[in-house]
Amino acid sequence: MTFGEQPAYLRVAGDLRKKIVDGSLPPHTRLPSQARIRREYGVSDTVALEARKVLMAEGLVEGRSGSGTYVRERLQPRRIARSGYRVPPGTSTPFRQEQAEEGARGTWESSSVQEEADEETAARLGVETGARVMCTRYVFRDAGRPMMLSTSWEPLELTGRTPVMLPEEGPLGGTGVVDRMAAIDTVVDNVVEEVGARPGLAEELLLLGGVPGHVVIVVARTYYASQRAVETADLVVPADRYRLTYHLPVR
């Protein structure tokens, strides 16, 4: 193969991709069978199979047990806002605020449990490995469809035996980290977010309604009061359905 040439399976995948994008193969249409791909493109079974695998990994098609491979519906990615602007005191979390502005489409469920911090969580919070933390897991939904997972950890040496020990319960349950920490005289003054992407874990994709191999956006967020971490969280979002939009102040 010379420079610029594509392997046969990529050329086949590229042509099928074009047909999906231009509507020649509309959503819910069955993808040509492996035998048909072999005949129409003059390739081997191996090439036909690899081409189908490429389209599946790209999220353009999905396999249905006992039925075949079908073109997936291509949804217009929706925006998830991430703002660097300070919201007014008493405002709910950014997700709840944004959803309220769009007609209260969003719902969520959560559960909290005390855990011992593993090595990574301890490093992010600046506590000893094994220190007690409150772990809260969320599933956020957009019009009933799972859109984001979040797992947060807060050091119980800070919040334990206070009214804000449980993020979703008590007088400030469901409000943002900044307001909750202010209630215990802890002033949150900066936040760090690291954004990356990776294949979704099986349990994540099960909750999000994805298929194996789908890519997720992962935001590792940590709130600080001066140099002290008061909360750290992992946010997981399906990369094919949502985009993170950052609105930051210019100083």
Protein backbone atom coordinates (compact mmCIF):
# COMPACT_ATOMS: atom_id res chain seq x y z
CA MET A 1 0.00 0.00 0.00
CA THR A 2 1.45 3.37 -1.04
CA PHE A 3 1.14 6.67 0.81
CA GLY A 4 -2.42 8.00 0.60
CA GLU A 5 -4.00 4.64 -0.17
CA GLN A 6 -6.64 3.34 2.19
CA PRO A 7 -7.09 -0.29 3.21
CA ALA A 8 -10.02 -1.90 1.42
CA TYR A 9 -12.15 -2.13 4.57
CA LEU A 10 -11.83 1.64 5.14
CA ARG A 11 -12.84 2.38 1.55
CA VAL A 12 -15.92 0.21 1.92
CA ALA A 13 -16.74 1.74 5.30
CA GLY A 14 -16.27 5.21 3.82
CA ASP A 15 -18.74 4.57 1.01
CA LEU A 16 -21.33 3.12 3.37
CA ARG A 17 -20.77 6.04 5.75
CA LYS A 18 -21.45 8.48 2.92
CA LYS A 19 -24.72 6.71 2.13
CA ILE A 20 -25.75 6.92 5.79
CA VAL A 21 -24.90 10.61 6.03
CA ASP A 22 -26.60 11.62 2.76
CA GLY A 23 -29.73 9.62 3.58
CA SER A 24 -29.34 6.89 0.97
CA LEU A 25 -29.35 4.53 3.95
CA PRO A 26 -31.83 6.24 6.30
CA PRO A 27 -32.19 5.52 10.03
CA HIS A 28 -33.57 2.08 10.94
CA THR A 29 -32.64 0.69 7.50
CA ARG A 30 -30.92 -2.65 7.56
CA LEU A 31 -27.27 -2.42 6.51
CA PRO A 32 -26.38 -4.57 3.49
CA SER A 33 -25.45 -8.06 4.60
CA GLN A 34 -21.87 -9.21 4.69
CA ALA A 35 -22.47 -11.34 1.59
CA ARG A 36 -23.98 -8.38 -0.27
CA ILE A 37 -21.10 -6.10 0.67
CA ARG A 38 -18.68 -8.77 -0.56
CA ARG A 39 -20.46 -9.01 -3.92
CA GLU A 40 -21.07 -5.27 -4.50
CA TYR A 41 -17.58 -4.13 -3.57
CA GLY A 42 -15.67 -7.19 -4.78
CA VAL A 43 -14.00 -7.76 -1.42
CA SER A 44 -13.44 -10.71 0.87
CA ASP A 45 -15.61 -11.69 3.83
CA THR A 46 -12.90 -10.40 6.14
CA VAL A 47 -12.93 -6.95 4.51
CA ALA A 48 -16.75 -6.81 4.61
CA LEU A 49 -16.76 -7.75 8.29
CA GLU A 50 -14.10 -5.18 9.18
CA ALA A 51 -16.01 -2.44 7.34
CA ARG A 52 -19.13 -3.22 9.37
CA LYS A 53 -17.07 -3.15 12.56
CA VAL A 54 -15.80 0.34 11.68
CA LEU A 55 -19.33 1.68 11.25
CA MET A 56 -20.42 0.07 14.48
CA ALA A 57 -17.45 1.53 16.39
CA GLU A 58 -18.35 4.97 14.97
CA GLY A 59 -21.87 4.61 16.33
CA LEU A 60 -23.48 4.81 12.88
CA VAL A 61 -25.00 1.33 13.01
CA GLU A 62 -26.10 -1.08 15.70
CA GLY A 63 -26.58 -4.81 15.84
CA ARG A 64 -29.95 -6.27 16.75
CA SER A 65 -29.88 -9.79 18.07
CA GLY A 66 -31.18 -12.28 15.55
CA SER A 67 -32.11 -9.55 13.08
CA GLY A 68 -29.01 -7.94 11.62
CA THR A 69 -27.25 -4.59 11.63
CA TYR A 70 -29.26 -1.37 11.28
CA VAL A 71 -28.53 2.30 10.71
CA ARG A 72 -28.86 4.23 13.96
CA GLU A 73 -30.90 7.38 14.25
CA ARG A 74 -28.55 10.36 14.13
CA LEU A 75 -29.60 12.89 16.75
CA GLN A 76 -28.48 16.49 16.68
CA PRO A 77 -26.06 16.84 19.61
CA ARG A 78 -27.46 18.97 22.41
CA ARG A 79 -25.50 21.41 24.50
CA ILE A 80 -24.51 20.99 28.13
CA ALA A 81 -23.43 24.37 29.48
CA ARG A 82 -20.37 24.72 31.69
CA SER A 83 -20.09 28.29 32.98
CA GLY A 84 -17.26 30.15 34.67
CA TYR A 85 -19.64 32.83 35.86
CA ARG A 86 -20.77 32.92 39.46
CA VAL A 87 -24.47 32.16 39.82
CA PRO A 88 -26.63 34.03 42.35
CA PRO A 89 -26.74 32.63 45.91
CA GLY A 90 -29.39 29.99 46.37
CA THR A 91 -29.31 28.92 42.72
CA SER A 92 -29.54 25.19 42.10
CA THR A 93 -26.86 23.18 40.33
CA PRO A 94 -25.94 24.19 36.74
CA PHE A 95 -27.80 21.18 35.31
CA ARG A 96 -30.99 22.04 37.17
CA GLN A 97 -30.75 25.70 36.25
CA GLU A 98 -30.23 24.95 32.56
CA GLN A 99 -33.03 22.41 32.46
CA ALA A 100 -35.43 24.81 34.18
CA GLU A 101 -34.66 27.42 31.55
CA GLU A 102 -35.54 24.90 28.83
CA GLY A 103 -38.94 23.96 30.24
CA ALA A 104 -38.11 21.57 33.10
CA ARG A 105 -37.27 18.66 30.81
CA GLY A 106 -34.60 17.36 33.12
CA THR A 107 -34.98 14.85 35.93
CA TRP A 108 -32.43 13.08 38.07
CA GLU A 109 -32.03 10.45 40.73
CA SER A 110 -29.26 10.01 43.25
CA SER A 111 -28.00 7.86 46.08
CA SER A 112 -25.37 8.61 48.71
CA VAL A 113 -23.23 6.22 50.73
CA GLN A 114 -20.18 6.56 52.95
CA GLU A 115 -17.04 4.97 51.52
CA GLU A 116 -13.30 4.81 52.06
CA ALA A 117 -11.41 6.91 49.52
CA ASP A 118 -9.36 4.87 47.08
CA GLU A 119 -5.91 6.06 46.05
CA GLU A 120 -7.08 8.22 43.12
CA THR A 121 -9.97 9.84 44.99
CA ALA A 122 -7.76 10.50 48.00
CA ALA A 123 -5.16 12.20 45.80
CA ARG A 124 -7.80 14.43 44.20
CA LEU A 125 -9.22 15.42 47.59
CA GLY A 126 -5.85 15.73 49.31
CA VAL A 127 -6.75 13.23 52.04
CA GLU A 128 -5.26 9.93 53.16
CA THR A 129 -6.12 6.78 51.26
CA GLY A 130 -8.92 5.11 53.20
CA ALA A 131 -10.29 8.38 54.60
CA ARG A 132 -14.05 8.45 54.93
CA VAL A 133 -15.88 10.23 52.09
CA MET A 134 -19.50 10.71 51.10
CA CYS A 135 -19.99 9.23 47.64
CA THR A 136 -23.05 10.34 45.68
CA ARG A 137 -24.02 8.82 42.36
CA TYR A 138 -26.40 10.55 39.95
CA VAL A 139 -28.25 9.67 36.77
CA PHE A 140 -29.47 12.79 34.93
CA ARG A 141 -32.17 12.51 32.26
CA ASP A 142 -33.26 14.77 29.45
CA ALA A 143 -36.96 14.28 28.59
CA GLY A 144 -36.73 10.84 30.20
CA ARG A 145 -33.61 9.75 28.31
CA PRO A 146 -30.37 9.21 30.29
CA MET A 147 -27.93 11.99 29.38
CA MET A 148 -25.24 12.15 32.05
CA LEU A 149 -23.80 10.21 34.96
CA SER A 150 -22.04 11.84 37.87
CA THR A 151 -20.18 10.41 40.84
CA SER A 152 -19.02 12.87 43.49
CA TRP A 153 -16.93 12.50 46.62
CA GLU A 154 -16.75 14.87 49.59
CA PRO A 155 -14.39 14.47 52.57
CA LEU A 156 -16.36 13.67 55.71
CA GLU A 157 -13.66 15.33 57.81
CA LEU A 158 -15.15 18.54 56.40
CA THR A 159 -18.86 17.81 56.01
CA GLY A 160 -19.41 15.00 58.54
CA ARG A 161 -21.98 15.76 61.23
CA THR A 162 -23.03 18.99 59.50
CA PRO A 163 -26.37 19.89 57.86
CA VAL A 164 -24.76 19.44 54.41
CA MET A 165 -23.28 15.98 54.96
CA LEU A 166 -25.79 14.50 52.46
CA PRO A 167 -25.74 16.50 49.18
CA GLU A 168 -29.38 15.76 48.33
CA GLU A 169 -30.93 15.96 51.79
CA GLY A 170 -31.29 18.53 54.56
CA PRO A 171 -32.03 22.26 54.33
CA LEU A 172 -29.67 22.79 51.37
CA GLY A 173 -30.24 19.45 49.66
CA GLY A 174 -30.05 19.75 45.89
CA THR A 175 -28.31 23.12 45.83
CA GLY A 176 -24.84 23.65 44.41
CA VAL A 177 -21.55 22.83 46.10
CA VAL A 178 -20.72 26.53 46.55
CA ASP A 179 -23.86 27.29 48.59
CA ARG A 180 -23.63 24.08 50.61
CA MET A 181 -20.03 24.74 51.59
CA ALA A 182 -20.80 28.39 52.42
CA ALA A 183 -23.32 27.11 54.96
CA ILE A 184 -20.45 25.54 56.91
CA ASP A 185 -18.23 28.63 56.57
CA THR A 186 -16.17 27.23 53.71
CA VAL A 187 -15.74 29.64 50.80
CA VAL A 188 -15.32 27.91 47.45
CA ASP A 189 -13.26 30.19 45.23
CA ASN A 190 -12.06 28.07 42.29
CA VAL A 191 -12.82 24.93 40.34
CA VAL A 192 -10.69 22.79 38.03
CA GLU A 193 -12.15 20.67 35.23
CA GLU A 194 -10.13 18.19 33.19
CA VAL A 195 -11.95 17.02 30.05
CA GLY A 196 -11.12 13.79 28.26
CA ALA A 197 -12.70 11.02 26.22
CA ARG A 198 -12.58 7.23 26.34
CA PRO A 199 -14.68 4.18 25.44
CA GLY A 200 -17.58 3.91 27.86
CA LEU A 201 -17.47 1.21 30.51
CA ALA A 202 -20.09 -1.51 30.15
CA GLU A 203 -22.01 -0.39 33.24
CA GLU A 204 -21.94 3.25 32.09
CA LEU A 205 -23.27 2.44 28.62
CA LEU A 206 -25.98 0.26 30.15
CA LEU A 207 -27.22 3.25 32.17
CA LEU A 208 -26.79 5.72 29.29
CA GLY A 209 -28.40 3.56 26.63
CA GLY A 210 -25.26 3.26 24.52
CA VAL A 211 -23.73 0.28 22.77
CA PRO A 212 -20.32 -1.32 23.39
CA GLY A 213 -17.49 0.76 21.98
CA HIS A 214 -19.27 4.10 22.19
CA VAL A 215 -17.12 7.00 23.33
CA VAL A 216 -17.99 9.08 26.38
CA ILE A 217 -16.78 12.51 27.47
CA VAL A 218 -15.41 12.48 31.00
CA VAL A 219 -15.11 15.65 33.08
CA ALA A 220 -13.02 15.31 36.24
CA ARG A 221 -14.13 18.30 38.33
CA THR A 222 -12.75 19.47 41.67
CA TYR A 223 -13.99 22.40 43.76
CA TYR A 224 -11.49 24.19 46.02
CA ALA A 225 -11.67 26.55 48.96
CA SER A 226 -8.29 28.25 48.49
CA GLN A 227 -6.02 25.21 48.13
CA ARG A 228 -8.28 22.72 49.91
CA ALA A 229 -10.38 20.36 47.79
CA VAL A 230 -13.94 20.23 49.11
CA GLU A 231 -15.55 18.05 46.41
CA THR A 232 -14.39 16.08 43.41
CA ALA A 233 -16.57 14.41 40.79
CA ASP A 234 -16.53 12.50 37.52
CA LEU A 235 -19.17 13.49 34.97
CA VAL A 236 -19.77 11.04 32.11
CA VAL A 237 -21.63 12.16 28.97
CA PRO A 238 -22.33 10.28 25.67
CA ALA A 239 -20.08 11.96 23.10
CA ASP A 240 -22.44 11.26 20.19
CA ARG A 241 -25.42 13.01 21.78
CA TYR A 242 -24.03 15.96 23.70
CA ARG A 243 -21.44 18.74 23.49
CA LEU A 244 -19.89 20.60 26.40
CA THR A 245 -20.11 24.37 25.96
CA TYR A 246 -17.85 26.54 28.12
CA HIS A 247 -18.88 30.12 28.86
CA LEU A 248 -15.96 31.75 30.68
CA PRO A 249 -15.36 35.32 31.86
CA VAL A 250 -12.54 37.33 30.33
CA ARG A 251 -10.56 39.16 32.99
